[in-house]
Amino acid sequence: VANKIGTYNLAVLAKHHGVPFYVAAPLSTFDMAIKSGAEIPIEERNPEEIRRVFNQTLITVPDVPCWNPAFDTTPPELVTAIITEKGVIRPPFGKNIASQFETVF
């Protein structure tokens, strides 16, 4: 699952505390051409968003190296189920997601 930064953190906390973690996503957002989240290109935002408060006051040493990803990936073992317009997909996700894209003629 690729989503806004912080999704992975919430999934880890949910798992640690025994809370189910559900993802809501339309099937149009699934990329069946990739095998895992490691293949998802992650957009990197401007490091100045980290170095400055409200893009004004510098709070770090100037030009300190920063990594500012816009998204993170959450591994499937942290996800209880994925809710789509066709229903709820449960593990094993690879097989069960693929079945949502099969067309019966």
N, C-alpha and C. Protein backbone atom coordinates (compact mmCIF):
# COMPACT_ATOMS: atom_id res chain seq x y z
N VAL A 1 0.85 -1.17 0.00
CA VAL A 1 0.00 0.00 0.00
C VAL A 1 0.89 1.23 0.00
N ALA A 2 0.70 2.11 -0.94
CA ALA A 2 1.40 3.39 -0.96
C ALA A 2 0.37 4.46 -0.64
N ASN A 3 0.71 5.31 0.31
CA ASN A 3 -0.22 6.35 0.74
C ASN A 3 0.60 7.50 1.33
N LYS A 4 -0.08 8.56 1.72
CA LYS A 4 0.59 9.72 2.30
C LYS A 4 1.50 9.30 3.44
N ILE A 5 2.55 10.06 3.64
CA ILE A 5 3.53 9.75 4.68
C ILE A 5 2.83 9.65 6.04
N GLY A 6 3.18 8.63 6.78
CA GLY A 6 2.58 8.40 8.09
C GLY A 6 1.68 7.18 8.13
N THR A 7 1.27 6.69 6.97
CA THR A 7 0.42 5.50 6.93
C THR A 7 1.14 4.29 7.51
N TYR A 8 2.40 4.13 7.14
CA TYR A 8 3.19 3.01 7.67
C TYR A 8 3.25 3.08 9.20
N ASN A 9 3.52 4.27 9.73
CA ASN A 9 3.61 4.44 11.19
C ASN A 9 2.31 4.01 11.87
N LEU A 10 1.18 4.42 11.31
CA LEU A 10 -0.11 4.06 11.89
C LEU A 10 -0.34 2.55 11.83
N ALA A 11 0.07 1.92 10.73
CA ALA A 11 -0.09 0.48 10.59
C ALA A 11 0.76 -0.28 11.61
N VAL A 12 1.98 0.19 11.84
CA VAL A 12 2.85 -0.44 12.84
C VAL A 12 2.23 -0.30 14.23
N LEU A 13 1.75 0.87 14.56
CA LEU A 13 1.11 1.09 15.87
C LEU A 13 -0.13 0.21 16.03
N ALA A 14 -0.93 0.13 14.98
CA ALA A 14 -2.13 -0.70 15.04
C ALA A 14 -1.76 -2.16 15.30
N LYS A 15 -0.77 -2.66 14.58
CA LYS A 15 -0.33 -4.05 14.74
C LYS A 15 0.18 -4.28 16.17
N HIS A 16 0.98 -3.38 16.67
CA HIS A 16 1.55 -3.50 18.01
C HIS A 16 0.47 -3.56 19.10
N HIS A 17 -0.59 -2.79 18.89
CA HIS A 17 -1.65 -2.71 19.88
C HIS A 17 -2.84 -3.63 19.58
N GLY A 18 -2.69 -4.50 18.57
CA GLY A 18 -3.74 -5.46 18.26
C GLY A 18 -4.99 -4.85 17.67
N VAL A 19 -4.83 -3.73 16.97
CA VAL A 19 -5.96 -3.04 16.35
C VAL A 19 -5.96 -3.36 14.85
N PRO A 20 -7.07 -3.83 14.29
CA PRO A 20 -7.11 -4.09 12.84
C PRO A 20 -6.81 -2.82 12.04
N PHE A 21 -6.11 -2.99 10.93
CA PHE A 21 -5.76 -1.86 10.07
C PHE A 21 -6.34 -2.11 8.68
N TYR A 22 -7.32 -1.31 8.31
CA TYR A 22 -8.01 -1.45 7.02
C TYR A 22 -7.59 -0.33 6.08
N VAL A 23 -7.54 -0.65 4.81
CA VAL A 23 -7.24 0.32 3.76
C VAL A 23 -8.48 0.43 2.88
N ALA A 24 -8.89 1.65 2.58
CA ALA A 24 -9.99 1.88 1.64
C ALA A 24 -9.38 2.43 0.36
N ALA A 25 -9.64 1.73 -0.75
CA ALA A 25 -9.05 2.14 -2.02
C ALA A 25 -9.89 1.65 -3.19
N PRO A 26 -10.16 2.51 -4.17
CA PRO A 26 -10.85 2.04 -5.37
C PRO A 26 -9.92 1.16 -6.19
N LEU A 27 -10.47 0.20 -6.89
CA LEU A 27 -9.65 -0.70 -7.71
C LEU A 27 -8.85 0.05 -8.78
N SER A 28 -9.32 1.22 -9.18
CA SER A 28 -8.61 2.00 -10.20
C SER A 28 -7.24 2.46 -9.71
N THR A 29 -6.97 2.39 -8.40
CA THR A 29 -5.68 2.82 -7.87
C THR A 29 -4.67 1.68 -7.73
N PHE A 30 -5.09 0.45 -8.05
CA PHE A 30 -4.19 -0.70 -7.96
C PHE A 30 -3.34 -0.78 -9.23
N ASP A 31 -2.05 -1.00 -9.07
CA ASP A 31 -1.15 -1.17 -10.21
C ASP A 31 -0.77 -2.64 -10.28
N MET A 32 -1.39 -3.36 -11.18
CA MET A 32 -1.16 -4.80 -11.29
C MET A 32 0.15 -5.13 -12.00
N ALA A 33 0.86 -4.12 -12.49
CA ALA A 33 2.12 -4.35 -13.19
C ALA A 33 3.31 -4.49 -12.24
N ILE A 34 3.12 -4.17 -10.96
CA ILE A 34 4.23 -4.27 -10.01
C ILE A 34 4.00 -5.44 -9.05
N LYS A 35 5.10 -5.98 -8.53
CA LYS A 35 5.01 -7.14 -7.64
C LYS A 35 4.97 -6.75 -6.18
N SER A 36 5.57 -5.60 -5.83
CA SER A 36 5.58 -5.19 -4.42
C SER A 36 5.71 -3.67 -4.32
N GLY A 37 5.51 -3.18 -3.11
CA GLY A 37 5.62 -1.74 -2.87
C GLY A 37 7.02 -1.20 -3.11
N ALA A 38 8.01 -2.08 -3.09
CA ALA A 38 9.39 -1.64 -3.34
C ALA A 38 9.56 -1.08 -4.75
N GLU A 39 8.65 -1.44 -5.65
CA GLU A 39 8.73 -0.97 -7.04
C GLU A 39 8.00 0.36 -7.26
N ILE A 40 7.34 0.87 -6.26
CA ILE A 40 6.58 2.11 -6.40
C ILE A 40 7.53 3.30 -6.28
N PRO A 41 7.57 4.15 -7.30
CA PRO A 41 8.41 5.35 -7.18
C PRO A 41 7.79 6.31 -6.17
N ILE A 42 8.59 6.76 -5.23
CA ILE A 42 8.11 7.65 -4.18
C ILE A 42 8.55 9.08 -4.48
N GLU A 43 7.57 9.96 -4.60
CA GLU A 43 7.84 11.38 -4.84
C GLU A 43 8.60 11.96 -3.65
N GLU A 44 9.62 12.75 -3.95
CA GLU A 44 10.35 13.44 -2.89
C GLU A 44 10.00 14.92 -2.93
N ARG A 45 9.64 15.44 -1.78
CA ARG A 45 9.27 16.85 -1.69
C ARG A 45 10.51 17.69 -1.36
N ASN A 46 10.35 18.99 -1.46
CA ASN A 46 11.43 19.94 -1.23
C ASN A 46 11.96 19.82 0.21
N PRO A 47 13.27 19.64 0.39
CA PRO A 47 13.84 19.55 1.74
C PRO A 47 13.60 20.80 2.59
N GLU A 48 13.37 21.93 1.94
CA GLU A 48 13.11 23.16 2.70
C GLU A 48 11.85 23.05 3.56
N GLU A 49 10.93 22.16 3.18
CA GLU A 49 9.73 21.96 4.00
C GLU A 49 10.09 21.42 5.38
N ILE A 50 11.23 20.74 5.48
CA ILE A 50 11.69 20.20 6.77
C ILE A 50 12.60 21.21 7.46
N ARG A 51 13.41 21.88 6.70
CA ARG A 51 14.40 22.80 7.28
C ARG A 51 13.79 24.07 7.86
N ARG A 52 12.61 24.42 7.40
CA ARG A 52 12.01 25.69 7.83
C ARG A 52 10.59 25.49 8.36
N VAL A 53 10.20 26.31 9.33
CA VAL A 53 8.83 26.32 9.85
C VAL A 53 8.02 27.28 8.99
N PHE A 54 6.92 26.79 8.47
CA PHE A 54 6.04 27.58 7.58
C PHE A 54 6.83 28.20 6.43
N ASN A 55 7.86 27.46 5.98
CA ASN A 55 8.70 27.87 4.86
C ASN A 55 9.41 29.20 5.10
N GLN A 56 9.59 29.57 6.38
CA GLN A 56 10.24 30.84 6.70
C GLN A 56 11.41 30.67 7.65
N THR A 57 11.15 30.34 8.90
CA THR A 57 12.19 30.30 9.92
C THR A 57 13.02 29.02 9.81
N LEU A 58 14.30 29.18 9.59
CA LEU A 58 15.21 28.06 9.48
C LEU A 58 15.35 27.40 10.85
N ILE A 59 15.17 26.08 10.92
CA ILE A 59 15.27 25.36 12.20
C ILE A 59 16.38 24.30 12.17
N THR A 60 17.16 24.27 11.10
CA THR A 60 18.29 23.35 10.99
C THR A 60 19.52 24.14 10.55
N VAL A 61 20.63 23.45 10.51
CA VAL A 61 21.82 24.03 9.90
C VAL A 61 21.50 24.20 8.42
N PRO A 62 21.85 25.34 7.83
CA PRO A 62 21.56 25.52 6.40
C PRO A 62 22.13 24.38 5.56
N ASP A 63 21.36 23.93 4.61
CA ASP A 63 21.76 22.88 3.67
C ASP A 63 22.01 21.52 4.31
N VAL A 64 21.48 21.30 5.53
CA VAL A 64 21.61 19.97 6.13
C VAL A 64 20.88 18.98 5.21
N PRO A 65 21.47 17.81 4.97
CA PRO A 65 20.80 16.84 4.10
C PRO A 65 19.46 16.40 4.71
N CYS A 66 18.42 16.39 3.90
CA CYS A 66 17.08 15.99 4.35
C CYS A 66 16.46 15.09 3.29
N TRP A 67 15.72 14.12 3.75
CA TRP A 67 14.92 13.26 2.87
C TRP A 67 13.47 13.53 3.22
N ASN A 68 12.69 13.96 2.26
CA ASN A 68 11.31 14.39 2.51
C ASN A 68 10.35 13.68 1.56
N PRO A 69 10.10 12.38 1.80
CA PRO A 69 9.19 11.66 0.91
C PRO A 69 7.75 12.12 1.10
N ALA A 70 6.99 12.14 0.02
CA ALA A 70 5.58 12.52 0.09
C ALA A 70 4.70 11.32 0.44
N PHE A 71 5.21 10.12 0.18
CA PHE A 71 4.45 8.89 0.41
C PHE A 71 5.32 7.88 1.11
N ASP A 72 4.67 6.89 1.72
CA ASP A 72 5.41 5.74 2.22
C ASP A 72 4.67 4.48 1.79
N THR A 73 5.31 3.35 1.97
CA THR A 73 4.67 2.08 1.62
C THR A 73 4.47 1.27 2.89
N THR A 74 3.34 0.61 2.94
CA THR A 74 2.98 -0.22 4.09
C THR A 74 2.97 -1.67 3.63
N PRO A 75 3.77 -2.52 4.26
CA PRO A 75 3.81 -3.92 3.82
C PRO A 75 2.50 -4.64 4.11
N PRO A 76 2.17 -5.63 3.29
CA PRO A 76 0.88 -6.31 3.40
C PRO A 76 0.65 -7.00 4.75
N GLU A 77 1.72 -7.42 5.42
CA GLU A 77 1.51 -8.10 6.70
C GLU A 77 0.98 -7.17 7.80
N LEU A 78 0.98 -5.87 7.54
CA LEU A 78 0.42 -4.92 8.50
C LEU A 78 -1.04 -4.56 8.19
N VAL A 79 -1.55 -5.02 7.06
CA VAL A 79 -2.90 -4.67 6.61
C VAL A 79 -3.86 -5.82 6.88
N THR A 80 -4.94 -5.53 7.57
CA THR A 80 -5.96 -6.54 7.87
C THR A 80 -6.75 -6.88 6.63
N ALA A 81 -7.19 -5.86 5.91
CA ALA A 81 -7.99 -6.04 4.70
C ALA A 81 -8.02 -4.73 3.93
N ILE A 82 -8.38 -4.85 2.64
CA ILE A 82 -8.54 -3.68 1.78
C ILE A 82 -10.00 -3.62 1.35
N ILE A 83 -10.61 -2.47 1.57
CA ILE A 83 -12.02 -2.28 1.23
C ILE A 83 -12.09 -1.55 -0.11
N THR A 84 -12.77 -2.17 -1.08
CA THR A 84 -12.92 -1.58 -2.42
C THR A 84 -14.40 -1.50 -2.77
N GLU A 85 -14.67 -0.94 -3.94
CA GLU A 85 -16.06 -0.83 -4.40
C GLU A 85 -16.66 -2.20 -4.73
N LYS A 86 -15.80 -3.22 -4.86
CA LYS A 86 -16.28 -4.58 -5.14
C LYS A 86 -16.38 -5.44 -3.88
N GLY A 87 -15.94 -4.89 -2.76
CA GLY A 87 -16.00 -5.65 -1.51
C GLY A 87 -14.69 -5.60 -0.75
N VAL A 88 -14.57 -6.50 0.22
CA VAL A 88 -13.41 -6.54 1.11
C VAL A 88 -12.43 -7.61 0.61
N ILE A 89 -11.18 -7.21 0.45
CA ILE A 89 -10.12 -8.14 0.03
C ILE A 89 -9.27 -8.46 1.26
N ARG A 90 -9.13 -9.74 1.53
CA ARG A 90 -8.34 -10.20 2.68
C ARG A 90 -7.10 -10.95 2.18
N PRO A 91 -6.12 -11.14 3.05
CA PRO A 91 -4.94 -11.93 2.65
C PRO A 91 -5.33 -13.35 2.26
N PRO A 92 -4.56 -13.97 1.37
CA PRO A 92 -3.34 -13.46 0.72
C PRO A 92 -3.69 -12.45 -0.36
N PHE A 93 -3.12 -11.27 -0.25
CA PHE A 93 -3.50 -10.16 -1.11
C PHE A 93 -3.16 -10.39 -2.59
N GLY A 94 -1.99 -10.95 -2.89
CA GLY A 94 -1.61 -11.14 -4.30
C GLY A 94 -2.68 -11.87 -5.08
N LYS A 95 -3.07 -13.01 -4.60
CA LYS A 95 -4.07 -13.83 -5.28
C LYS A 95 -5.45 -13.17 -5.23
N ASN A 96 -5.81 -12.65 -4.08
CA ASN A 96 -7.16 -12.11 -3.91
C ASN A 96 -7.36 -10.77 -4.62
N ILE A 97 -6.32 -9.97 -4.72
CA ILE A 97 -6.44 -8.73 -5.50
C ILE A 97 -6.58 -9.08 -6.98
N ALA A 98 -5.75 -9.99 -7.45
CA ALA A 98 -5.81 -10.39 -8.87
C ALA A 98 -7.20 -10.89 -9.25
N SER A 99 -7.84 -11.60 -8.35
CA SER A 99 -9.17 -12.15 -8.65
C SER A 99 -10.21 -11.04 -8.85
N GLN A 100 -9.97 -9.87 -8.31
CA GLN A 100 -10.90 -8.74 -8.47
C GLN A 100 -10.86 -8.19 -9.90
N PHE A 101 -9.79 -8.50 -10.63
CA PHE A 101 -9.62 -7.98 -11.98
C PHE A 101 -9.97 -9.00 -13.05
N GLU A 102 -10.33 -10.19 -12.64
CA GLU A 102 -10.71 -11.22 -13.61
C GLU A 102 -12.12 -10.93 -14.11
N THR A 103 -12.31 -11.07 -15.40
CA THR A 103 -13.61 -10.83 -16.02
C THR A 103 -14.20 -12.16 -16.46
N VAL A 104 -15.42 -12.40 -16.11
CA VAL A 104 -16.10 -13.63 -16.52
C VAL A 104 -16.97 -13.31 -17.72
N PHE A 105 -16.80 -14.09 -18.83
CA PHE A 105 -17.60 -13.87 -20.04
C PHE A 105 -18.61 -14.97 -20.20
